[in-house]
Amino acid sequence: MLPPPIKFTQWLVDNAAQLAPPVNNKIIYQGKDFTIQAVGGPNKRTDYHINETEEWFYQHKGAMCLKVVDNGEFRDIEIGEGEMFLLPGNTPHNPVRFADTIGIVIERVRAPEHIDRLRWYCSNCREIVHEASFHCTDLGTQLKPIIEEFAHNEQLRTCNKCGTVNTAK
């Protein structure tokens, strides 16, 4: 039997505590082909996620800034309340979420051969400082230990090109 529709406003109330830093992510639906997740703000992340497949962003409440590396150029894409955006696969992106905002993100379930990456760039010279690869099965739980490892390891945060020690947040 098919499940009933979700009353999203009540779902947000019931799951508010789980939309907490550093990832602020809670899965709404886990399907065979797609994962639908709610993401709250604020967040303080400096990593760029690289997913081999497309990601769909919708801002339910408030605005967000999607920092991307587009053909080698760093730029910001503002997604306002009620707006949506389809991010092409293999685009490094850092979703910056502000306080009291809620977004919905739809991603494909990863095939066994798909590898996600978290990448950090130097704040001074824009070189890659660190990159971690993983097969994504649960973004909400897999990101936190990778982000925390970067945050607590100065060697990982130090740029080999210019010597800048980058911040984790």
N, C-alpha and C. Protein backbone atom coordinates (compact mmCIF):
# COMPACT_ATOMS: atom_id res chain seq x y z
N MET A 1 0.84 -1.18 0.00
CA MET A 1 0.00 0.00 0.00
C MET A 1 0.89 1.25 0.00
N LEU A 2 0.49 2.23 -0.76
CA LEU A 2 1.24 3.49 -0.82
C LEU A 2 1.10 4.26 0.48
N PRO A 3 2.18 4.92 0.92
CA PRO A 3 2.09 5.73 2.14
C PRO A 3 1.30 7.01 1.87
N PRO A 4 0.76 7.62 2.92
CA PRO A 4 0.04 8.88 2.73
C PRO A 4 1.01 10.02 2.45
N PRO A 5 0.51 11.13 1.91
CA PRO A 5 1.36 12.31 1.71
C PRO A 5 1.88 12.82 3.06
N ILE A 6 3.01 13.47 3.00
CA ILE A 6 3.59 14.08 4.20
C ILE A 6 3.08 15.51 4.32
N LYS A 7 2.66 15.88 5.53
CA LYS A 7 2.31 17.27 5.82
C LYS A 7 3.62 17.96 6.17
N PHE A 8 4.20 18.63 5.18
CA PHE A 8 5.57 19.11 5.29
C PHE A 8 5.77 20.09 6.44
N THR A 9 4.81 20.99 6.67
CA THR A 9 4.99 21.95 7.77
C THR A 9 5.06 21.22 9.12
N GLN A 10 4.25 20.19 9.31
CA GLN A 10 4.31 19.42 10.55
C GLN A 10 5.58 18.58 10.60
N TRP A 11 6.00 18.04 9.45
CA TRP A 11 7.24 17.27 9.38
C TRP A 11 8.41 18.13 9.83
N LEU A 12 8.43 19.40 9.40
CA LEU A 12 9.50 20.31 9.80
C LEU A 12 9.51 20.53 11.31
N VAL A 13 8.35 20.68 11.91
CA VAL A 13 8.25 20.84 13.36
C VAL A 13 8.77 19.58 14.06
N ASP A 14 8.33 18.42 13.60
CA ASP A 14 8.71 17.15 14.22
C ASP A 14 10.20 16.84 14.08
N ASN A 15 10.84 17.35 13.04
CA ASN A 15 12.24 17.02 12.75
C ASN A 15 13.20 18.20 12.91
N ALA A 16 12.74 19.28 13.53
CA ALA A 16 13.55 20.49 13.65
C ALA A 16 14.90 20.23 14.31
N ALA A 17 14.94 19.40 15.33
CA ALA A 17 16.19 19.14 16.05
C ALA A 17 17.23 18.44 15.18
N GLN A 18 16.78 17.72 14.17
CA GLN A 18 17.72 17.00 13.31
C GLN A 18 18.27 17.85 12.17
N LEU A 19 17.73 19.04 12.00
CA LEU A 19 18.25 19.95 10.97
C LEU A 19 19.28 20.88 11.62
N ALA A 20 20.32 20.27 12.21
CA ALA A 20 21.32 21.00 13.00
C ALA A 20 22.70 20.89 12.35
N PRO A 21 23.59 21.86 12.64
CA PRO A 21 24.95 21.85 12.09
C PRO A 21 25.72 20.58 12.48
N PRO A 22 26.74 20.18 11.69
CA PRO A 22 27.30 20.95 10.58
C PRO A 22 26.63 20.70 9.23
N VAL A 23 25.82 19.64 9.10
CA VAL A 23 25.25 19.33 7.79
C VAL A 23 23.80 19.78 7.67
N ASN A 24 23.05 19.77 8.74
CA ASN A 24 21.67 20.26 8.78
C ASN A 24 20.75 19.50 7.83
N ASN A 25 20.86 18.20 7.77
CA ASN A 25 20.22 17.42 6.72
C ASN A 25 19.37 16.30 7.31
N LYS A 26 18.15 16.11 6.76
CA LYS A 26 17.28 15.00 7.19
C LYS A 26 16.56 14.47 5.96
N ILE A 27 16.64 13.17 5.74
CA ILE A 27 15.97 12.55 4.60
C ILE A 27 14.46 12.54 4.83
N ILE A 28 13.73 12.99 3.82
CA ILE A 28 12.27 12.96 3.84
C ILE A 28 11.78 11.65 3.23
N TYR A 29 12.25 11.36 2.03
CA TYR A 29 11.92 10.11 1.33
C TYR A 29 13.21 9.47 0.84
N GLN A 30 13.31 8.17 1.03
CA GLN A 30 14.40 7.41 0.44
C GLN A 30 13.77 6.44 -0.55
N GLY A 31 13.84 6.78 -1.83
CA GLY A 31 13.29 5.92 -2.86
C GLY A 31 14.35 5.02 -3.46
N LYS A 32 13.94 4.23 -4.44
CA LYS A 32 14.87 3.34 -5.13
C LYS A 32 15.83 4.14 -6.00
N ASP A 33 15.34 5.20 -6.61
CA ASP A 33 16.14 5.99 -7.55
C ASP A 33 16.54 7.37 -7.04
N PHE A 34 15.78 7.92 -6.09
CA PHE A 34 16.03 9.28 -5.62
C PHE A 34 15.98 9.37 -4.11
N THR A 35 16.74 10.32 -3.57
CA THR A 35 16.69 10.69 -2.16
C THR A 35 16.19 12.12 -2.10
N ILE A 36 15.16 12.35 -1.28
CA ILE A 36 14.62 13.70 -1.09
C ILE A 36 14.91 14.08 0.35
N GLN A 37 15.57 15.23 0.53
CA GLN A 37 16.00 15.64 1.86
C GLN A 37 15.67 17.10 2.13
N ALA A 38 15.40 17.39 3.38
CA ALA A 38 15.24 18.77 3.83
C ALA A 38 16.56 19.21 4.43
N VAL A 39 16.89 20.47 4.19
CA VAL A 39 18.15 21.01 4.70
C VAL A 39 17.86 22.35 5.34
N GLY A 40 18.30 22.52 6.59
CA GLY A 40 18.07 23.76 7.31
C GLY A 40 19.33 24.60 7.42
N GLY A 41 19.15 25.80 7.92
CA GLY A 41 20.27 26.70 8.13
C GLY A 41 20.27 27.18 9.57
N PRO A 42 21.35 27.78 10.01
CA PRO A 42 22.54 28.11 9.22
C PRO A 42 23.54 26.95 9.20
N ASN A 43 24.44 27.04 8.26
CA ASN A 43 25.57 26.11 8.25
C ASN A 43 26.85 26.91 8.09
N LYS A 44 27.94 26.30 8.50
CA LYS A 44 29.27 26.93 8.38
C LYS A 44 30.21 25.87 7.85
N ARG A 45 30.19 25.71 6.53
CA ARG A 45 31.05 24.72 5.90
C ARG A 45 31.91 25.41 4.86
N THR A 46 33.13 24.90 4.69
CA THR A 46 34.02 25.45 3.67
C THR A 46 34.31 24.43 2.57
N ASP A 47 33.76 23.23 2.70
CA ASP A 47 34.00 22.19 1.70
C ASP A 47 33.09 22.37 0.49
N TYR A 48 33.54 21.83 -0.61
CA TYR A 48 32.74 21.77 -1.84
C TYR A 48 32.43 20.30 -2.11
N HIS A 49 31.15 19.99 -2.28
CA HIS A 49 30.71 18.63 -2.56
C HIS A 49 30.74 18.42 -4.07
N ILE A 50 31.20 17.26 -4.50
CA ILE A 50 31.19 16.90 -5.92
C ILE A 50 30.44 15.59 -6.04
N ASN A 51 29.31 15.65 -6.72
CA ASN A 51 28.44 14.51 -6.95
C ASN A 51 28.46 14.23 -8.45
N GLU A 52 28.65 13.00 -8.85
CA GLU A 52 28.71 12.67 -10.27
C GLU A 52 27.38 12.89 -10.98
N THR A 53 26.29 12.94 -10.23
CA THR A 53 24.96 13.12 -10.83
C THR A 53 24.38 14.48 -10.47
N GLU A 54 23.30 14.84 -11.13
CA GLU A 54 22.66 16.14 -10.91
C GLU A 54 22.06 16.22 -9.50
N GLU A 55 21.90 17.46 -9.03
CA GLU A 55 21.20 17.73 -7.77
C GLU A 55 20.20 18.84 -8.03
N TRP A 56 18.99 18.67 -7.49
CA TRP A 56 17.92 19.66 -7.65
C TRP A 56 17.71 20.36 -6.32
N PHE A 57 17.76 21.69 -6.34
CA PHE A 57 17.60 22.53 -5.15
C PHE A 57 16.30 23.32 -5.24
N TYR A 58 15.55 23.36 -4.14
CA TYR A 58 14.35 24.19 -4.04
C TYR A 58 14.38 24.87 -2.68
N GLN A 59 14.17 26.18 -2.66
CA GLN A 59 14.14 26.91 -1.39
C GLN A 59 12.70 27.10 -0.94
N HIS A 60 12.34 26.39 0.12
CA HIS A 60 11.00 26.45 0.69
C HIS A 60 10.82 27.72 1.53
N LYS A 61 11.85 28.06 2.31
CA LYS A 61 11.78 29.22 3.21
C LYS A 61 13.11 29.94 3.19
N GLY A 62 13.10 31.23 2.89
CA GLY A 62 14.32 32.02 2.87
C GLY A 62 15.16 31.74 1.63
N ALA A 63 16.33 32.34 1.61
CA ALA A 63 17.24 32.22 0.46
C ALA A 63 18.50 31.47 0.88
N MET A 64 19.22 30.98 -0.11
CA MET A 64 20.51 30.34 0.11
C MET A 64 21.47 30.82 -0.97
N CYS A 65 22.75 30.58 -0.73
CA CYS A 65 23.79 30.89 -1.72
C CYS A 65 24.50 29.58 -2.05
N LEU A 66 24.46 29.21 -3.31
CA LEU A 66 25.15 28.01 -3.76
C LEU A 66 26.47 28.43 -4.39
N LYS A 67 27.56 28.26 -3.64
CA LYS A 67 28.89 28.59 -4.16
C LYS A 67 29.31 27.44 -5.07
N VAL A 68 29.75 27.76 -6.28
CA VAL A 68 30.13 26.73 -7.25
C VAL A 68 31.47 27.07 -7.88
N VAL A 69 32.09 26.04 -8.43
CA VAL A 69 33.25 26.22 -9.30
C VAL A 69 32.76 25.81 -10.69
N ASP A 70 32.57 26.82 -11.55
CA ASP A 70 31.97 26.65 -12.87
C ASP A 70 33.05 26.86 -13.92
N ASN A 71 33.51 25.75 -14.53
CA ASN A 71 34.60 25.82 -15.51
C ASN A 71 35.82 26.55 -14.96
N GLY A 72 36.18 26.24 -13.72
CA GLY A 72 37.35 26.82 -13.08
C GLY A 72 37.13 28.18 -12.44
N GLU A 73 35.94 28.75 -12.59
CA GLU A 73 35.63 30.07 -12.02
C GLU A 73 34.76 29.91 -10.78
N PHE A 74 35.19 30.54 -9.67
CA PHE A 74 34.41 30.53 -8.44
C PHE A 74 33.31 31.58 -8.56
N ARG A 75 32.06 31.16 -8.32
CA ARG A 75 30.96 32.12 -8.36
C ARG A 75 29.82 31.68 -7.44
N ASP A 76 28.93 32.62 -7.16
CA ASP A 76 27.80 32.37 -6.27
C ASP A 76 26.51 32.36 -7.08
N ILE A 77 25.64 31.40 -6.77
CA ILE A 77 24.31 31.34 -7.35
C ILE A 77 23.32 31.53 -6.21
N GLU A 78 22.59 32.62 -6.24
CA GLU A 78 21.58 32.90 -5.21
C GLU A 78 20.29 32.17 -5.59
N ILE A 79 19.75 31.40 -4.66
CA ILE A 79 18.47 30.72 -4.86
C ILE A 79 17.51 31.27 -3.81
N GLY A 80 16.53 32.03 -4.27
CA GLY A 80 15.60 32.69 -3.36
C GLY A 80 14.43 31.80 -2.98
N GLU A 81 13.67 32.26 -1.99
CA GLU A 81 12.49 31.53 -1.55
C GLU A 81 11.56 31.28 -2.73
N GLY A 82 11.14 30.04 -2.88
CA GLY A 82 10.26 29.67 -3.99
C GLY A 82 10.97 29.39 -5.29
N GLU A 83 12.30 29.52 -5.31
CA GLU A 83 13.07 29.27 -6.53
C GLU A 83 13.69 27.89 -6.50
N MET A 84 13.96 27.36 -7.70
CA MET A 84 14.62 26.06 -7.82
C MET A 84 15.77 26.16 -8.80
N PHE A 85 16.70 25.20 -8.68
CA PHE A 85 17.89 25.20 -9.53
C PHE A 85 18.36 23.76 -9.70
N LEU A 86 18.71 23.38 -10.94
CA LEU A 86 19.26 22.06 -11.22
C LEU A 86 20.75 22.20 -11.45
N LEU A 87 21.53 21.61 -10.55
CA LEU A 87 22.99 21.65 -10.62
C LEU A 87 23.50 20.47 -11.44
N PRO A 88 24.28 20.72 -12.50
CA PRO A 88 24.83 19.61 -13.28
C PRO A 88 25.76 18.74 -12.45
N GLY A 89 25.86 17.47 -12.82
CA GLY A 89 26.78 16.56 -12.15
C GLY A 89 28.22 17.03 -12.28
N ASN A 90 29.04 16.60 -11.34
CA ASN A 90 30.48 16.91 -11.29
C ASN A 90 30.78 18.40 -11.14
N THR A 91 29.85 19.16 -10.59
CA THR A 91 30.08 20.58 -10.33
C THR A 91 30.41 20.75 -8.85
N PRO A 92 31.64 21.18 -8.51
CA PRO A 92 31.94 21.44 -7.10
C PRO A 92 31.01 22.53 -6.56
N HIS A 93 30.39 22.25 -5.41
CA HIS A 93 29.43 23.21 -4.86
C HIS A 93 29.45 23.19 -3.34
N ASN A 94 29.22 24.37 -2.78
CA ASN A 94 29.17 24.57 -1.34
C ASN A 94 27.85 25.29 -1.05
N PRO A 95 26.84 24.56 -0.55
CA PRO A 95 25.56 25.20 -0.25
C PRO A 95 25.64 25.98 1.07
N VAL A 96 25.55 27.29 0.97
CA VAL A 96 25.59 28.16 2.15
C VAL A 96 24.15 28.47 2.54
N ARG A 97 23.79 28.05 3.73
CA ARG A 97 22.42 28.25 4.20
C ARG A 97 22.43 29.21 5.39
N PHE A 98 21.45 30.08 5.38
CA PHE A 98 21.36 31.13 6.40
C PHE A 98 20.37 30.70 7.49
N ALA A 99 20.41 31.41 8.61
CA ALA A 99 19.54 31.10 9.74
C ALA A 99 18.07 31.14 9.32
N ASP A 100 17.31 30.22 9.89
CA ASP A 100 15.86 30.18 9.70
C ASP A 100 15.46 29.98 8.23
N THR A 101 16.20 29.14 7.53
CA THR A 101 15.87 28.81 6.14
C THR A 101 15.68 27.30 6.01
N ILE A 102 14.89 26.91 5.02
CA ILE A 102 14.65 25.50 4.75
C ILE A 102 14.67 25.29 3.24
N GLY A 103 15.43 24.31 2.82
CA GLY A 103 15.46 23.94 1.41
C GLY A 103 15.19 22.46 1.25
N ILE A 104 14.85 22.09 0.02
CA ILE A 104 14.68 20.69 -0.33
C ILE A 104 15.69 20.37 -1.42
N VAL A 105 16.38 19.25 -1.27
CA VAL A 105 17.36 18.81 -2.27
C VAL A 105 16.99 17.40 -2.70
N ILE A 106 16.98 17.18 -4.01
CA ILE A 106 16.74 15.85 -4.55
C ILE A 106 18.01 15.39 -5.25
N GLU A 107 18.46 14.20 -4.87
CA GLU A 107 19.66 13.60 -5.47
C GLU A 107 19.33 12.18 -5.90
N ARG A 108 20.06 11.72 -6.89
CA ARG A 108 19.94 10.31 -7.30
C ARG A 108 20.60 9.41 -6.26
N VAL A 109 20.03 8.24 -6.08
CA VAL A 109 20.70 7.21 -5.30
C VAL A 109 21.95 6.82 -6.09
N ARG A 110 23.08 6.74 -5.43
CA ARG A 110 24.33 6.48 -6.13
C ARG A 110 24.46 5.01 -6.53
N ALA A 111 24.84 4.81 -7.79
CA ALA A 111 25.18 3.47 -8.26
C ALA A 111 26.50 3.06 -7.60
N PRO A 112 26.77 1.77 -7.52
CA PRO A 112 28.00 1.33 -6.84
C PRO A 112 29.28 1.97 -7.38
N GLU A 113 29.30 2.30 -8.66
CA GLU A 113 30.52 2.88 -9.24
C GLU A 113 30.63 4.39 -9.05
N HIS A 114 29.58 5.03 -8.52
CA HIS A 114 29.62 6.48 -8.32
C HIS A 114 30.38 6.83 -7.04
N ILE A 115 31.29 7.78 -7.17
CA ILE A 115 32.09 8.23 -6.04
C ILE A 115 31.84 9.72 -5.82
N ASP A 116 31.46 10.08 -4.60
CA ASP A 116 31.32 11.48 -4.22
C ASP A 116 32.65 11.95 -3.65
N ARG A 117 32.82 13.27 -3.66
CA ARG A 117 34.03 13.85 -3.09
C ARG A 117 33.67 15.10 -2.29
N LEU A 118 34.43 15.34 -1.24
CA LEU A 118 34.42 16.63 -0.55
C LEU A 118 35.78 17.24 -0.81
N ARG A 119 35.77 18.49 -1.25
CA ARG A 119 37.02 19.16 -1.63
C ARG A 119 37.08 20.51 -0.93
N TRP A 120 38.27 20.83 -0.45
CA TRP A 120 38.53 22.14 0.15
C TRP A 120 39.54 22.87 -0.72
N TYR A 121 39.26 24.14 -0.97
CA TYR A 121 40.16 25.00 -1.73
C TYR A 121 40.82 25.99 -0.78
N CYS A 122 42.04 26.40 -1.12
CA CYS A 122 42.74 27.40 -0.33
C CYS A 122 42.02 28.74 -0.43
N SER A 123 41.81 29.38 0.71
CA SER A 123 41.14 30.68 0.73
C SER A 123 42.02 31.78 0.16
N ASN A 124 43.31 31.52 0.05
CA ASN A 124 44.26 32.52 -0.44
C ASN A 124 44.54 32.37 -1.94
N CYS A 125 44.89 31.15 -2.39
CA CYS A 125 45.32 30.97 -3.78
C CYS A 125 44.39 30.09 -4.61
N ARG A 126 43.36 29.52 -4.00
CA ARG A 126 42.33 28.71 -4.67
C ARG A 126 42.80 27.33 -5.14
N GLU A 127 43.99 26.91 -4.72
CA GLU A 127 44.45 25.56 -5.03
C GLU A 127 43.66 24.56 -4.17
N ILE A 128 43.59 23.33 -4.61
CA ILE A 128 42.95 22.28 -3.81
C ILE A 128 43.85 21.98 -2.61
N VAL A 129 43.26 22.08 -1.41
CA VAL A 129 43.99 21.83 -0.17
C VAL A 129 43.84 20.37 0.26
N HIS A 130 42.62 19.86 0.15
CA HIS A 130 42.34 18.48 0.59
C HIS A 130 41.11 17.98 -0.15
N GLU A 131 41.10 16.67 -0.40
CA GLU A 131 39.93 16.04 -1.02
C GLU A 131 39.74 14.66 -0.43
N ALA A 132 38.50 14.34 -0.08
CA ALA A 132 38.15 13.02 0.44
C ALA A 132 37.10 12.41 -0.48
N SER A 133 37.27 11.14 -0.82
CA SER A 133 36.35 10.43 -1.70
C SER A 133 35.61 9.35 -0.92
N PHE A 134 34.34 9.12 -1.29
CA PHE A 134 33.54 8.10 -0.61
C PHE A 134 32.37 7.71 -1.50
N HIS A 135 31.87 6.50 -1.30
CA HIS A 135 30.64 6.07 -1.98
C HIS A 135 29.49 6.50 -1.08
N CYS A 136 28.64 7.36 -1.59
CA CYS A 136 27.58 7.96 -0.78
C CYS A 136 26.40 7.00 -0.63
N THR A 137 26.11 6.66 0.62
CA THR A 137 24.92 5.89 0.93
C THR A 137 23.98 6.67 1.85
N ASP A 138 24.53 7.60 2.64
CA ASP A 138 23.73 8.44 3.54
C ASP A 138 24.49 9.73 3.79
N LEU A 139 24.21 10.72 2.96
CA LEU A 139 24.93 11.99 3.02
C LEU A 139 24.88 12.61 4.41
N GLY A 140 23.72 12.51 5.06
CA GLY A 140 23.54 13.13 6.36
C GLY A 140 24.49 12.61 7.43
N THR A 141 24.86 11.34 7.35
CA THR A 141 25.78 10.79 8.35
C THR A 141 27.21 10.70 7.85
N GLN A 142 27.43 10.63 6.55
CA GLN A 142 28.78 10.44 6.03
C GLN A 142 29.60 11.72 5.99
N LEU A 143 28.96 12.87 5.84
CA LEU A 143 29.72 14.12 5.73
C LEU A 143 30.37 14.53 7.05
N LYS A 144 29.64 14.38 8.14
CA LYS A 144 30.11 14.89 9.43
C LYS A 144 31.51 14.41 9.81
N PRO A 145 31.82 13.10 9.77
CA PRO A 145 33.17 12.69 10.16
C PRO A 145 34.26 13.20 9.22
N ILE A 146 33.95 13.34 7.95
CA ILE A 146 34.94 13.87 7.00
C ILE A 146 35.21 15.34 7.29
N ILE A 147 34.16 16.10 7.54
CA ILE A 147 34.30 17.52 7.86
C ILE A 147 35.05 17.70 9.18
N GLU A 148 34.72 16.87 10.18
CA GLU A 148 35.39 16.97 11.48
C GLU A 148 36.86 16.59 11.38
N GLU A 149 37.20 15.60 10.58
CA GLU A 149 38.61 15.23 10.39
C GLU A 149 39.39 16.41 9.82
N PHE A 150 38.82 17.08 8.82
CA PHE A 150 39.48 18.25 8.23
C PHE A 150 39.62 19.36 9.27
N ALA A 151 38.58 19.59 10.04
CA ALA A 151 38.58 20.67 11.03
C ALA A 151 39.65 20.47 12.10
N HIS A 152 39.90 19.23 12.49
CA HIS A 152 40.82 18.94 13.59
C HIS A 152 42.24 18.59 13.16
N ASN A 153 42.53 18.71 11.86
CA ASN A 153 43.86 18.33 11.36
C ASN A 153 44.47 19.50 10.59
N GLU A 154 45.35 20.24 11.25
CA GLU A 154 45.97 21.42 10.63
C GLU A 154 46.75 21.06 9.37
N GLN A 155 47.35 19.89 9.36
CA GLN A 155 48.11 19.47 8.17
C GLN A 155 47.19 19.35 6.95
N LEU A 156 45.97 18.83 7.14
CA LEU A 156 45.02 18.73 6.03
C LEU A 156 44.57 20.11 5.56
N ARG A 157 44.55 21.08 6.47
CA ARG A 157 44.08 22.42 6.15
C ARG A 157 45.16 23.34 5.60
N THR A 158 46.41 22.87 5.57
CA THR A 158 47.53 23.70 5.12
C THR A 158 47.75 23.53 3.62
N CYS A 159 47.77 24.66 2.91
CA CYS A 159 47.96 24.65 1.46
C CYS A 159 49.41 24.33 1.12
N ASN A 160 49.61 23.34 0.27
CA ASN A 160 50.97 22.96 -0.15
C ASN A 160 51.60 24.00 -1.07
N LYS A 161 50.78 24.83 -1.71
CA LYS A 161 51.32 25.82 -2.65
C LYS A 161 51.76 27.10 -1.95
N CYS A 162 50.88 27.68 -1.10
CA CYS A 162 51.20 28.98 -0.52
C CYS A 162 51.40 28.95 0.99
N GLY A 163 51.11 27.81 1.65
CA GLY A 163 51.34 27.68 3.08
C GLY A 163 50.21 28.19 3.97
N THR A 164 49.15 28.71 3.40
CA THR A 164 48.02 29.20 4.19
C THR A 164 47.38 28.05 4.96
N VAL A 165 47.13 28.29 6.27
CA VAL A 165 46.37 27.35 7.06
C VAL A 165 44.92 27.79 6.97
N ASN A 166 44.11 27.00 6.30
CA ASN A 166 42.72 27.35 6.04
C ASN A 166 41.83 27.01 7.22
N THR A 167 40.76 27.75 7.35
CA THR A 167 39.79 27.49 8.41
C THR A 167 38.83 26.39 7.96
N ALA A 168 38.27 25.71 8.92
CA ALA A 168 37.31 24.64 8.63
C ALA A 168 35.89 25.17 8.56
N LYS A 169 35.66 26.35 9.12
CA LYS A 169 34.31 26.92 9.14
C LYS A 169 34.37 28.38 8.79
